[in-house]
Each structure stands twice: as structure tokens, then as C-alpha cells.
């Protein structure tokens, strides 16, 4: 209570600092959002990596094709996948930063 008898409105920062049930809800929501983001990045990574063996299994004659003397499966691994992995990582980093910024805005941090 304040000196004049009124109660002070509790902020999310107060809830977190005092480890109240509401503070736990804020943290749980942040952790769940981060977990969902991590799982989606992992699924995208595994999906891209797993698509190549599936493609070679479904279309076996692709393994016998060469591009400039290099087998096509190696070209498919080296050329298109690495830029896609970088794009997944870049997207993950941007979304993680956005989640952290939203949480900081919620609790009124710097």
C-alpha cells in the first residue's frame, strides 16, 4: 500500500521479481513460444535433410546422373541445402529476437 492508503497497481515486472503465480504464467508463455519456435526450425531442418534420401529412394535414376563430373546427390546436398539452412537459422534468430523484445516490452525492461 502507498502512504495515502491506495494500493499500487502491480506490473508484470513486479510479478516476475516476486515469483508470483502471474509471473510464472508470463515465463511459461515465453518458454512455450521459444519451444514452439525451436521445434518448427528443427522440423524444417529435418524435413529438408530428410527429403533428399526420400527423393533418391523414389527416383533411383537420379543417383546415376552427374553434373560436371559430380554425382547429382552431392550437388543437391551442397548447393541448395546450405543456403536453405542459413535461411532457417536467420528466420529463427529474427523470431527469437522478436519474442525476447515482446517479453521485454511486457515487463517494461530496457
PDB file of N, CA and C in Angstrom:
ATOM      1  N   UNK A   1       0.833  -1.183   0.000  1.00  0.00           N
ATOM      2  CA  UNK A   1       0.000   0.000   0.000  1.00  0.00           C
ATOM      3  C   UNK A   1       0.873   1.240   0.000  1.00  0.00           C
ATOM      4  N   UNK A   2       0.338   2.260  -0.577  1.00  0.00           N
ATOM      5  CA  UNK A   2       1.030   3.541  -0.543  1.00  0.00           C
ATOM      6  C   UNK A   2       0.716   4.255   0.757  1.00  0.00           C
ATOM      7  N   UNK A   3       1.428   5.353   0.999  1.00  0.00           N
ATOM      8  CA  UNK A   3       1.218   6.126   2.219  1.00  0.00           C
ATOM      9  C   UNK A   3      -0.166   6.749   2.282  1.00  0.00           C
ATOM     10  N   UNK A   4      -0.755   7.055   1.106  1.00  0.00           N
ATOM     11  CA  UNK A   4      -2.065   7.713   1.104  1.00  0.00           C
ATOM     12  C   UNK A   4      -3.225   6.712   1.163  1.00  0.00           C
ATOM     13  N   UNK A   5      -2.933   5.421   1.344  1.00  0.00           N
ATOM     14  CA  UNK A   5      -3.995   4.437   1.530  1.00  0.00           C
ATOM     15  C   UNK A   5      -4.406   3.715   0.255  1.00  0.00           C
ATOM     16  N   UNK A   6      -3.916   4.126  -0.896  1.00  0.00           N
ATOM     17  CA  UNK A   6      -4.282   3.453  -2.150  1.00  0.00           C
ATOM     18  C   UNK A   6      -3.305   2.310  -2.421  1.00  0.00           C
ATOM     19  N   UNK A   7      -3.796   1.298  -3.091  1.00  0.00           N
ATOM     20  CA  UNK A   7      -2.913   0.192  -3.466  1.00  0.00           C
ATOM     21  C   UNK A   7      -2.256   0.510  -4.802  1.00  0.00           C
ATOM     22  N   UNK A   8      -1.040   0.052  -4.927  1.00  0.00           N
ATOM     23  CA  UNK A   8      -0.283   0.275  -6.155  1.00  0.00           C
ATOM     24  C   UNK A   8      -0.590  -0.853  -7.134  1.00  0.00           C
ATOM     25  N   UNK A   9      -0.757  -0.491  -8.402  1.00  0.00           N
ATOM     26  CA  UNK A   9      -1.011  -1.488  -9.439  1.00  0.00           C
ATOM     27  C   UNK A   9       0.265  -2.294  -9.673  1.00  0.00           C
ATOM     28  N   UNK A  10       0.125  -3.613  -9.672  1.00  0.00           N
ATOM     29  CA  UNK A  10       1.286  -4.491  -9.864  1.00  0.00           C
ATOM     30  C   UNK A  10       1.575  -4.622 -11.348  1.00  0.00           C
ATOM     31  N   UNK A  11       2.824  -4.482 -11.704  1.00  0.00           N
ATOM     32  CA  UNK A  11       3.247  -4.621 -13.098  1.00  0.00           C
ATOM     33  C   UNK A  11       3.747  -6.040 -13.336  1.00  0.00           C
ATOM     34  N   UNK A  12       3.827  -6.445 -14.598  1.00  0.00           N
ATOM     35  CA  UNK A  12       4.410  -7.766 -14.879  1.00  0.00           C
ATOM     36  C   UNK A  12       5.828  -7.903 -14.324  1.00  0.00           C
ATOM     37  N   UNK A  13       6.577  -6.816 -14.301  1.00  0.00           N
ATOM     38  CA  UNK A  13       7.930  -6.860 -13.733  1.00  0.00           C
ATOM     39  C   UNK A  13       7.865  -7.203 -12.245  1.00  0.00           C
ATOM     40  N   UNK A  14       6.904  -6.617 -11.532  1.00  0.00           N
ATOM     41  CA  UNK A  14       6.735  -6.945 -10.108  1.00  0.00           C
ATOM     42  C   UNK A  14       6.391  -8.422  -9.939  1.00  0.00           C
ATOM     43  N   UNK A  15       5.487  -8.904 -10.790  1.00  0.00           N
ATOM     44  CA  UNK A  15       5.065 -10.305 -10.715  1.00  0.00           C
ATOM     45  C   UNK A  15       6.253 -11.240 -10.925  1.00  0.00           C
ATOM     46  N   UNK A  16       7.117 -10.913 -11.876  1.00  0.00           N
ATOM     47  CA  UNK A  16       8.293 -11.746 -12.135  1.00  0.00           C
ATOM     48  C   UNK A  16       9.294 -11.663 -10.992  1.00  0.00           C
ATOM     49  N   UNK A  17       9.548 -10.455 -10.517  1.00  0.00           N
ATOM     50  CA  UNK A  17      10.536 -10.261  -9.457  1.00  0.00           C
ATOM     51  C   UNK A  17      10.131 -10.971  -8.174  1.00  0.00           C
ATOM     52  N   UNK A  18       8.843 -11.000  -7.897  1.00  0.00           N
ATOM     53  CA  UNK A  18       8.370 -11.618  -6.668  1.00  0.00           C
ATOM     54  C   UNK A  18       7.987 -13.088  -6.853  1.00  0.00           C
ATOM     55  N   UNK A  19       8.189 -13.605  -8.063  1.00  0.00           N
ATOM     56  CA  UNK A  19       7.917 -15.014  -8.380  1.00  0.00           C
ATOM     57  C   UNK A  19       6.499 -15.417  -7.994  1.00  0.00           C
ATOM     58  N   UNK A  20       5.531 -14.603  -8.384  1.00  0.00           N
ATOM     59  CA  UNK A  20       4.135 -14.925  -8.111  1.00  0.00           C
ATOM     60  C   UNK A  20       3.592 -15.869  -9.178  1.00  0.00           C
ATOM     61  N   UNK A  21       2.358 -16.289  -8.984  1.00  0.00           N
ATOM     62  CA  UNK A  21       1.728 -17.181  -9.964  1.00  0.00           C
ATOM     63  C   UNK A  21       1.590 -16.487 -11.320  1.00  0.00           C
ATOM     64  N   UNK A  22       1.270 -15.196 -11.303  1.00  0.00           N
ATOM     65  CA  UNK A  22       1.171 -14.469 -12.570  1.00  0.00           C
ATOM     66  C   UNK A  22       2.526 -14.383 -13.258  1.00  0.00           C
ATOM     67  N   UNK A  23       3.575 -14.175 -12.482  1.00  0.00           N
ATOM     68  CA  UNK A  23       4.921 -14.149 -13.042  1.00  0.00           C
ATOM     69  C   UNK A  23       5.287 -15.477 -13.685  1.00  0.00           C
ATOM     70  N   UNK A  24       4.869 -16.564 -13.050  1.00  0.00           N
ATOM     71  CA  UNK A  24       5.110 -17.893 -13.616  1.00  0.00           C
ATOM     72  C   UNK A  24       4.385 -18.056 -14.946  1.00  0.00           C
ATOM     73  N   UNK A  25       3.190 -17.500 -15.058  1.00  0.00           N
ATOM     74  CA  UNK A  25       2.433 -17.577 -16.311  1.00  0.00           C
ATOM     75  C   UNK A  25       3.179 -16.837 -17.410  1.00  0.00           C
ATOM     76  N   UNK A  26       3.697 -15.648 -17.103  1.00  0.00           N
ATOM     77  CA  UNK A  26       4.465 -14.886 -18.103  1.00  0.00           C
ATOM     78  C   UNK A  26       5.674 -15.692 -18.579  1.00  0.00           C
ATOM     79  N   UNK A  27       6.406 -16.263 -17.645  1.00  0.00           N
ATOM     80  CA  UNK A  27       7.593 -17.039 -18.014  1.00  0.00           C
ATOM     81  C   UNK A  27       7.218 -18.299 -18.785  1.00  0.00           C
ATOM     82  N   UNK A  28       6.159 -18.976 -18.354  1.00  0.00           N
ATOM     83  CA  UNK A  28       5.725 -20.190 -19.043  1.00  0.00           C
ATOM     84  C   UNK A  28       5.320 -19.895 -20.482  1.00  0.00           C
ATOM     85  N   UNK A  29       4.649 -18.770 -20.701  1.00  0.00           N
ATOM     86  CA  UNK A  29       4.260 -18.404 -22.069  1.00  0.00           C
ATOM     87  C   UNK A  29       5.485 -18.124 -22.937  1.00  0.00           C
ATOM     88  N   UNK A  30       6.487 -17.459 -22.360  1.00  0.00           N
ATOM     89  CA  UNK A  30       7.712 -17.188 -23.105  1.00  0.00           C
ATOM     90  C   UNK A  30       8.429 -18.487 -23.456  1.00  0.00           C
ATOM     91  N   UNK A  31       8.554 -19.375 -22.496  1.00  0.00           N
ATOM     92  CA  UNK A  31       9.244 -20.641 -22.734  1.00  0.00           C
ATOM     93  C   UNK A  31       8.498 -21.470 -23.774  1.00  0.00           C
ATOM     94  N   UNK A  32       7.173 -21.497 -23.703  1.00  0.00           N
ATOM     95  CA  UNK A  32       6.394 -22.245 -24.701  1.00  0.00           C
ATOM     96  C   UNK A  32       6.564 -21.674 -26.095  1.00  0.00           C
ATOM     97  N   UNK A  33       6.572 -20.351 -26.205  1.00  0.00           N
ATOM     98  CA  UNK A  33       6.760 -19.722 -27.520  1.00  0.00           C
ATOM     99  C   UNK A  33       8.156 -20.034 -28.058  1.00  0.00           C
ATOM    100  N   UNK A  34       9.172 -20.009 -27.206  1.00  0.00           N
ATOM    101  CA  UNK A  34      10.524 -20.338 -27.639  1.00  0.00           C
ATOM    102  C   UNK A  34      10.631 -21.807 -28.043  1.00  0.00           C
ATOM    103  N   UNK A  35       9.968 -22.680 -27.287  1.00  0.00           N
ATOM    104  CA  UNK A  35       9.984 -24.100 -27.621  1.00  0.00           C
ATOM    105  C   UNK A  35       9.292 -24.354 -28.961  1.00  0.00           C
ATOM    106  N   UNK A  36       8.159 -23.717 -29.187  1.00  0.00           N
ATOM    107  CA  UNK A  36       7.447 -23.883 -30.461  1.00  0.00           C
ATOM    108  C   UNK A  36       8.308 -23.403 -31.620  1.00  0.00           C
ATOM    109  N   UNK A  37       8.995 -22.294 -31.438  1.00  0.00           N
ATOM    110  CA  UNK A  37       9.884 -21.776 -32.477  1.00  0.00           C
ATOM    111  C   UNK A  37      11.026 -22.756 -32.742  1.00  0.00           C
ATOM    112  N   UNK A  38      11.624 -23.294 -31.700  1.00  0.00           N
ATOM    113  CA  UNK A  38      12.727 -24.245 -31.860  1.00  0.00           C
ATOM    114  C   UNK A  38      12.266 -25.520 -32.560  1.00  0.00           C
ATOM    115  N   UNK A  39      11.109 -26.012 -32.187  1.00  0.00           N
ATOM    116  CA  UNK A  39      10.590 -27.230 -32.818  1.00  0.00           C
ATOM    117  C   UNK A  39      10.284 -26.990 -34.282  1.00  0.00           C
ATOM    118  N   UNK A  40       9.721 -25.828 -34.617  1.00  0.00           N
ATOM    119  CA  UNK A  40       9.428 -25.560 -36.027  1.00  0.00           C
ATOM    120  C   UNK A  40      10.709 -25.447 -36.847  1.00  0.00           C
ATOM    121  N   UNK A  41      11.762 -24.852 -36.286  1.00  0.00           N
ATOM    122  CA  UNK A  41      13.043 -24.782 -37.004  1.00  0.00           C
ATOM    123  C   UNK A  41      13.632 -26.186 -37.168  1.00  0.00           C
ATOM    124  N   UNK A  42      13.524 -27.013 -36.137  1.00  0.00           N
ATOM    125  CA  UNK A  42      14.031 -28.378 -36.219  1.00  0.00           C
ATOM    126  C   UNK A  42      13.268 -29.191 -37.258  1.00  0.00           C
ATOM    127  N   UNK A  43      11.962 -29.041 -37.298  1.00  0.00           N
ATOM    128  CA  UNK A  43      11.156 -29.765 -38.282  1.00  0.00           C
ATOM    129  C   UNK A  43      11.525 -29.324 -39.698  1.00  0.00           C
ATOM    130  N   UNK A  44      11.723 -28.031 -39.902  1.00  0.00           N
ATOM    131  CA  UNK A  44      12.126 -27.545 -41.224  1.00  0.00           C
ATOM    132  C   UNK A  44      13.491 -28.112 -41.609  1.00  0.00           C
ATOM    133  N   UNK A  45      14.433 -28.116 -40.671  1.00  0.00           N
ATOM    134  CA  UNK A  45      15.769 -28.640 -40.929  1.00  0.00           C
ATOM    135  C   UNK A  45      15.713 -30.130 -41.267  1.00  0.00           C
ATOM    136  N   UNK A  46      15.015 -30.906 -40.445  1.00  0.00           N
ATOM    137  CA  UNK A  46      14.919 -32.353 -40.677  1.00  0.00           C
ATOM    138  C   UNK A  46      14.137 -32.636 -41.961  1.00  0.00           C
ATOM    139  N   UNK A  47      13.112 -31.836 -42.217  1.00  0.00           N
ATOM    140  CA  UNK A  47      12.344 -32.027 -43.442  1.00  0.00           C
ATOM    141  C   UNK A  47      13.188 -31.832 -44.690  1.00  0.00           C
ATOM    142  N   UNK A  48      14.017 -30.789 -44.679  1.00  0.00           N
ATOM    143  CA  UNK A  48      14.893 -30.565 -45.828  1.00  0.00           C
ATOM    144  C   UNK A  48      15.947 -31.659 -45.940  1.00  0.00           C
ATOM    145  N   UNK A  49      16.535 -32.015 -44.829  1.00  0.00           N
ATOM    146  CA  UNK A  49      17.584 -33.032 -44.838  1.00  0.00           C
ATOM    147  C   UNK A  49      17.014 -34.409 -45.180  1.00  0.00           C
ATOM    148  N   UNK A  50      15.819 -34.700 -44.704  1.00  0.00           N
ATOM    149  CA  UNK A  50      15.206 -35.996 -44.972  1.00  0.00           C
ATOM    150  C   UNK A  50      14.594 -36.112 -46.351  1.00  0.00           C
ATOM    151  N   UNK A  51      14.374 -34.984 -47.004  1.00  0.00           N
ATOM    152  CA  UNK A  51      13.762 -35.025 -48.334  1.00  0.00           C
ATOM    153  C   UNK A  51      14.708 -35.611 -49.376  1.00  0.00           C
ATOM    154  N   UNK A  52      16.003 -35.406 -49.217  1.00  0.00           N
ATOM    155  CA  UNK A  52      16.950 -35.910 -50.211  1.00  0.00           C
ATOM    156  C   UNK A  52      16.982 -37.436 -50.270  1.00  0.00           C
ATOM    157  N   UNK A  53      17.143 -38.136 -49.163  1.00  0.00           N
ATOM    158  CA  UNK A  53      17.096 -39.605 -49.262  1.00  0.00           C
ATOM    159  C   UNK A  53      15.749 -40.110 -49.784  1.00  0.00           C
ATOM    160  N   UNK A  54      14.677 -39.439 -49.390  1.00  0.00           N
ATOM    161  CA  UNK A  54      13.360 -39.840 -49.889  1.00  0.00           C
ATOM    162  C   UNK A  54      13.269 -39.640 -51.402  1.00  0.00           C
ATOM    163  N   UNK A  55      13.791 -38.510 -51.883  1.00  0.00           N
ATOM    164  CA  UNK A  55      13.796 -38.239 -53.323  1.00  0.00           C
ATOM    165  C   UNK A  55      14.613 -39.291 -54.067  1.00  0.00           C
ATOM    166  N   UNK A  56      15.790 -39.614 -53.535  1.00  0.00           N
ATOM    167  CA  UNK A  56      16.638 -40.614 -54.189  1.00  0.00           C
ATOM    168  C   UNK A  56      16.024 -42.004 -54.131  1.00  0.00           C
ATOM    169  N   UNK A  57      15.260 -42.291 -53.076  1.00  0.00           N
ATOM    170  CA  UNK A  57      14.581 -43.582 -52.988  1.00  0.00           C
ATOM    171  C   UNK A  57      13.432 -43.656 -53.989  1.00  0.00           C
ATOM    172  N   UNK A  58      12.671 -42.567 -54.110  1.00  0.00           N
ATOM    173  CA  UNK A  58      11.513 -42.568 -55.010  1.00  0.00           C
ATOM    174  C   UNK A  58      11.909 -42.459 -56.473  1.00  0.00           C
ATOM    175  N   UNK A  59      13.033 -41.804 -56.756  1.00  0.00           N
ATOM    176  CA  UNK A  59      13.506 -41.642 -58.133  1.00  0.00           C
ATOM    177  C   UNK A  59      14.950 -42.143 -58.191  1.00  0.00           C
ATOM    178  N   UNK A  60      15.155 -43.449 -58.249  1.00  0.00           N
ATOM    179  CA  UNK A  60      16.503 -44.008 -58.119  1.00  0.00           C
ATOM    180  C   UNK A  60      17.464 -43.633 -59.249  1.00  0.00           C
ATOM    181  N   UNK A  61      16.951 -43.312 -60.427  1.00  0.00           N
ATOM    182  CA  UNK A  61      17.875 -42.998 -61.525  1.00  0.00           C
ATOM    183  C   UNK A  61      18.577 -41.645 -61.324  1.00  0.00           C
ATOM    184  N   UNK A  62      18.148 -40.831 -60.345  1.00  0.00           N
ATOM    185  CA  UNK A  62      18.835 -39.572 -60.063  1.00  0.00           C
ATOM    186  C   UNK A  62      20.248 -39.807 -59.527  1.00  0.00           C
ATOM    187  N   UNK A  63      20.466 -40.943 -58.871  1.00  0.00           N
ATOM    188  CA  UNK A  63      21.786 -41.241 -58.304  1.00  0.00           C
ATOM    189  C   UNK A  63      22.830 -41.462 -59.387  1.00  0.00           C
ATOM    190  N   UNK A  64      22.401 -41.824 -60.575  1.00  0.00           N
ATOM    191  CA  UNK A  64      23.360 -42.091 -61.651  1.00  0.00           C
ATOM    192  C   UNK A  64      23.668 -40.858 -62.494  1.00  0.00           C
ATOM    193  N   UNK A  65      22.991 -39.754 -62.264  1.00  0.00           N
ATOM    194  CA  UNK A  65      23.214 -38.523 -63.035  1.00  0.00           C
ATOM    195  C   UNK A  65      24.392 -37.761 -62.439  1.00  0.00           C
ATOM    196  N   UNK A  66      25.221 -37.208 -63.326  1.00  0.00           N
ATOM    197  CA  UNK A  66      26.362 -36.400 -62.893  1.00  0.00           C
ATOM    198  C   UNK A  66      26.235 -34.984 -63.437  1.00  0.00           C
ATOM    199  N   UNK A  67      26.691 -34.010 -62.646  1.00  0.00           N
ATOM    200  CA  UNK A  67      26.725 -32.600 -63.055  1.00  0.00           C
ATOM    201  C   UNK A  67      28.177 -32.162 -62.962  1.00  0.00           C
ATOM    202  N   UNK A  68      28.789 -31.889 -64.100  1.00  0.00           N
ATOM    203  CA  UNK A  68      30.196 -31.502 -64.185  1.00  0.00           C
ATOM    204  C   UNK A  68      31.077 -32.543 -63.491  1.00  0.00           C
ATOM    205  N   UNK A  69      30.752 -33.814 -63.655  1.00  0.00           N
ATOM    206  CA  UNK A  69      31.535 -34.899 -63.084  1.00  0.00           C
ATOM    207  C   UNK A  69      31.243 -35.183 -61.622  1.00  0.00           C
ATOM    208  N   UNK A  70      30.314 -34.443 -61.035  1.00  0.00           N
ATOM    209  CA  UNK A  70      29.958 -34.639 -59.625  1.00  0.00           C
ATOM    210  C   UNK A  70      28.588 -35.311 -59.578  1.00  0.00           C
ATOM    211  N   UNK A  71      28.445 -36.376 -58.785  1.00  0.00           N
ATOM    212  CA  UNK A  71      27.136 -37.042 -58.705  1.00  0.00           C
ATOM    213  C   UNK A  71      26.041 -36.069 -58.241  1.00  0.00           C
ATOM    214  N   UNK A  72      24.880 -36.170 -58.850  1.00  0.00           N
ATOM    215  CA  UNK A  72      23.770 -35.265 -58.551  1.00  0.00           C
ATOM    216  C   UNK A  72      23.397 -35.235 -57.064  1.00  0.00           C
ATOM    217  N   UNK A  73      23.394 -36.370 -56.350  1.00  0.00           N
ATOM    218  CA  UNK A  73      23.065 -36.286 -54.916  1.00  0.00           C
ATOM    219  C   UNK A  73      24.009 -35.359 -54.141  1.00  0.00           C
ATOM    220  N   UNK A  74      25.299 -35.366 -54.478  1.00  0.00           N
ATOM    221  CA  UNK A  74      26.232 -34.461 -53.803  1.00  0.00           C
ATOM    222  C   UNK A  74      25.949 -33.005 -54.160  1.00  0.00           C
ATOM    223  N   UNK A  75      25.593 -32.767 -55.404  1.00  0.00           N
ATOM    224  CA  UNK A  75      25.250 -31.403 -55.822  1.00  0.00           C
ATOM    225  C   UNK A  75      24.002 -30.935 -55.081  1.00  0.00           C
ATOM    226  N   UNK A  76      23.035 -31.834 -54.935  1.00  0.00           N
ATOM    227  CA  UNK A  76      21.803 -31.480 -54.228  1.00  0.00           C
ATOM    228  C   UNK A  76      22.052 -31.189 -52.756  1.00  0.00           C
ATOM    229  N   UNK A  77      23.037 -31.856 -52.158  1.00  0.00           N
ATOM    230  CA  UNK A  77      23.361 -31.604 -50.758  1.00  0.00           C
ATOM    231  C   UNK A  77      24.128 -30.298 -50.615  1.00  0.00           C
ATOM    232  N   UNK A  78      25.090 -30.086 -51.485  1.00  0.00           N
ATOM    233  CA  UNK A  78      25.992 -28.938 -51.338  1.00  0.00           C
ATOM    234  C   UNK A  78      25.387 -27.620 -51.784  1.00  0.00           C
ATOM    235  N   UNK A  79      24.690 -27.607 -52.878  1.00  0.00           N
ATOM    236  CA  UNK A  79      24.268 -26.330 -53.447  1.00  0.00           C
ATOM    237  C   UNK A  79      22.980 -25.783 -52.818  1.00  0.00           C
ATOM    238  N   UNK A  80      21.847 -26.445 -52.925  1.00  0.00           N
ATOM    239  CA  UNK A  80      20.632 -25.790 -52.426  1.00  0.00           C
ATOM    240  C   UNK A  80      20.391 -25.904 -50.918  1.00  0.00           C
ATOM    241  N   UNK A  81      20.911 -26.945 -50.280  1.00  0.00           N
ATOM    242  CA  UNK A  81      20.568 -27.141 -48.881  1.00  0.00           C
ATOM    243  C   UNK A  81      21.243 -26.153 -47.933  1.00  0.00           C
ATOM    244  N   UNK A  82      22.504 -25.858 -48.137  1.00  0.00           N
ATOM    245  CA  UNK A  82      23.190 -24.961 -47.212  1.00  0.00           C
ATOM    246  C   UNK A  82      22.584 -23.560 -47.189  1.00  0.00           C
ATOM    247  N   UNK A  83      22.259 -22.964 -48.337  1.00  0.00           N
ATOM    248  CA  UNK A  83      21.566 -21.665 -48.252  1.00  0.00           C
ATOM    249  C   UNK A  83      20.212 -21.763 -47.546  1.00  0.00           C
ATOM    250  N   UNK A  84      19.526 -22.878 -47.711  1.00  0.00           N
ATOM    251  CA  UNK A  84      18.249 -23.049 -47.009  1.00  0.00           C
ATOM    252  C   UNK A  84      18.465 -23.183 -45.511  1.00  0.00           C
ATOM    253  N   UNK A  85      19.529 -23.861 -45.104  1.00  0.00           N
ATOM    254  CA  UNK A  85      19.845 -23.960 -43.674  1.00  0.00           C
ATOM    255  C   UNK A  85      20.167 -22.585 -43.096  1.00  0.00           C
ATOM    256  N   UNK A  86      20.899 -21.783 -43.862  1.00  0.00           N
ATOM    257  CA  UNK A  86      21.203 -20.418 -43.415  1.00  0.00           C
ATOM    258  C   UNK A  86      19.909 -19.617 -43.292  1.00  0.00           C
ATOM    259  N   UNK A  87      18.996 -19.778 -44.240  1.00  0.00           N
ATOM    260  CA  UNK A  87      17.711 -19.066 -44.184  1.00  0.00           C
ATOM    261  C   UNK A  87      16.892 -19.501 -42.969  1.00  0.00           C
ATOM    262  N   UNK A  88      16.905 -20.788 -42.647  1.00  0.00           N
ATOM    263  CA  UNK A  88      16.193 -21.268 -41.462  1.00  0.00           C
ATOM    264  C   UNK A  88      16.800 -20.646 -40.209  1.00  0.00           C
ATOM    265  N   UNK A  89      18.126 -20.627 -40.129  1.00  0.00           N
ATOM    266  CA  UNK A  89      18.798 -20.041 -38.975  1.00  0.00           C
ATOM    267  C   UNK A  89      18.524 -18.546 -38.846  1.00  0.00           C
ATOM    268  N   UNK A  90      18.548 -17.844 -39.959  1.00  0.00           N
ATOM    269  CA  UNK A  90      18.287 -16.402 -39.963  1.00  0.00           C
ATOM    270  C   UNK A  90      16.850 -16.122 -39.505  1.00  0.00           C
ATOM    271  N   UNK A  91      15.903 -16.885 -40.028  1.00  0.00           N
ATOM    272  CA  UNK A  91      14.499 -16.721 -39.643  1.00  0.00           C
ATOM    273  C   UNK A  91      14.313 -17.039 -38.164  1.00  0.00           C
ATOM    274  N   UNK A  92      14.954 -18.109 -37.695  1.00  0.00           N
ATOM    275  CA  UNK A  92      14.869 -18.480 -36.291  1.00  0.00           C
ATOM    276  C   UNK A  92      15.394 -17.343 -35.413  1.00  0.00           C
ATOM    277  N   UNK A  93      16.535 -16.790 -35.771  1.00  0.00           N
ATOM    278  CA  UNK A  93      17.129 -15.717 -34.974  1.00  0.00           C
ATOM    279  C   UNK A  93      16.221 -14.488 -34.926  1.00  0.00           C
ATOM    280  N   UNK A  94      15.649 -14.121 -36.056  1.00  0.00           N
ATOM    281  CA  UNK A  94      14.741 -12.964 -36.085  1.00  0.00           C
ATOM    282  C   UNK A  94      13.516 -13.190 -35.211  1.00  0.00           C
ATOM    283  N   UNK A  95      12.924 -14.379 -35.299  1.00  0.00           N
ATOM    284  CA  UNK A  95      11.734 -14.675 -34.498  1.00  0.00           C
ATOM    285  C   UNK A  95      12.083 -14.746 -33.002  1.00  0.00           C
ATOM    286  N   UNK A  96      13.241 -15.327 -32.672  1.00  0.00           N
ATOM    287  CA  UNK A  96      13.659 -15.400 -31.261  1.00  0.00           C
ATOM    288  C   UNK A  96      13.881 -13.992 -30.712  1.00  0.00           C
ATOM    289  N   UNK A  97      14.506 -13.132 -31.503  1.00  0.00           N
ATOM    290  CA  UNK A  97      14.700 -11.743 -31.069  1.00  0.00           C
ATOM    291  C   UNK A  97      13.362 -11.033 -30.882  1.00  0.00           C
ATOM    292  N   UNK A  98      12.406 -11.307 -31.775  1.00  0.00           N
ATOM    293  CA  UNK A  98      11.084 -10.688 -31.654  1.00  0.00           C
ATOM    294  C   UNK A  98      10.368 -11.166 -30.388  1.00  0.00           C
ATOM    295  N   UNK A  99      10.488 -12.445 -30.066  1.00  0.00           N
ATOM    296  CA  UNK A  99       9.881 -12.958 -28.826  1.00  0.00           C
ATOM    297  C   UNK A  99      10.508 -12.307 -27.603  1.00  0.00           C
ATOM    298  N   UNK A 100      11.826 -12.199 -27.604  1.00  0.00           N
ATOM    299  CA  UNK A 100      12.507 -11.567 -26.470  1.00  0.00           C
ATOM    300  C   UNK A 100      12.117 -10.103 -26.340  1.00  0.00           C
ATOM    301  N   UNK A 101      12.020  -9.406 -27.462  1.00  0.00           N
ATOM    302  CA  UNK A 101      11.640  -7.991 -27.441  1.00  0.00           C
ATOM    303  C   UNK A 101      10.209  -7.821 -26.925  1.00  0.00           C
ATOM    304  N   UNK A 102       9.306  -8.694 -27.350  1.00  0.00           N
ATOM    305  CA  UNK A 102       7.924  -8.623 -26.875  1.00  0.00           C
ATOM    306  C   UNK A 102       7.863  -8.873 -25.366  1.00  0.00           C
ATOM    307  N   UNK A 103       8.670  -9.804 -24.882  1.00  0.00           N
ATOM    308  CA  UNK A 103       8.695 -10.081 -23.445  1.00  0.00           C
ATOM    309  C   UNK A 103       9.267  -8.892 -22.684  1.00  0.00           C
ATOM    310  N   UNK A 104      10.333  -8.289 -23.197  1.00  0.00           N
ATOM    311  CA  UNK A 104      10.899  -7.097 -22.553  1.00  0.00           C
ATOM    312  C   UNK A 104       9.894  -5.955 -22.529  1.00  0.00           C
ATOM    313  N   UNK A 105       9.158  -5.790 -23.626  1.00  0.00           N
ATOM    314  CA  UNK A 105       8.130  -4.744 -23.663  1.00  0.00           C
ATOM    315  C   UNK A 105       7.050  -5.007 -22.624  1.00  0.00           C
ATOM    316  N   UNK A 106       6.685  -6.279 -22.456  1.00  0.00           N
ATOM    317  CA  UNK A 106       5.647  -6.643 -21.497  1.00  0.00           C
ATOM    318  C   UNK A 106       6.071  -6.307 -20.071  1.00  0.00           C
ATOM    319  N   UNK A 107       7.300  -6.628 -19.736  1.00  0.00           N
ATOM    320  CA  UNK A 107       7.738  -6.397 -18.361  1.00  0.00           C
ATOM    321  C   UNK A 107       8.341  -5.006 -18.169  1.00  0.00           C
ATOM    322  N   UNK A 108       8.429  -4.236 -19.237  1.00  0.00           N
ATOM    323  CA  UNK A 108       8.897  -2.863 -19.118  1.00  0.00           C
ATOM    324  C   UNK A 108      10.384  -2.733 -18.929  1.00  0.00           C
ATOM    325  N   UNK A 109      11.134  -3.685 -19.484  1.00  0.00           N
ATOM    326  CA  UNK A 109      12.581  -3.643 -19.349  1.00  0.00           C
ATOM    327  C   UNK A 109      13.223  -2.720 -20.367  1.00  0.00           C
ATOM    328  N   UNK A 110      14.533  -2.498 -20.219  1.00  0.00           N
ATOM    329  CA  UNK A 110      15.256  -1.623 -21.164  1.00  0.00           C
ATOM    330  C   UNK A 110      15.442  -2.249 -22.499  1.00  0.00           C
TER     331      UNK A 110
END
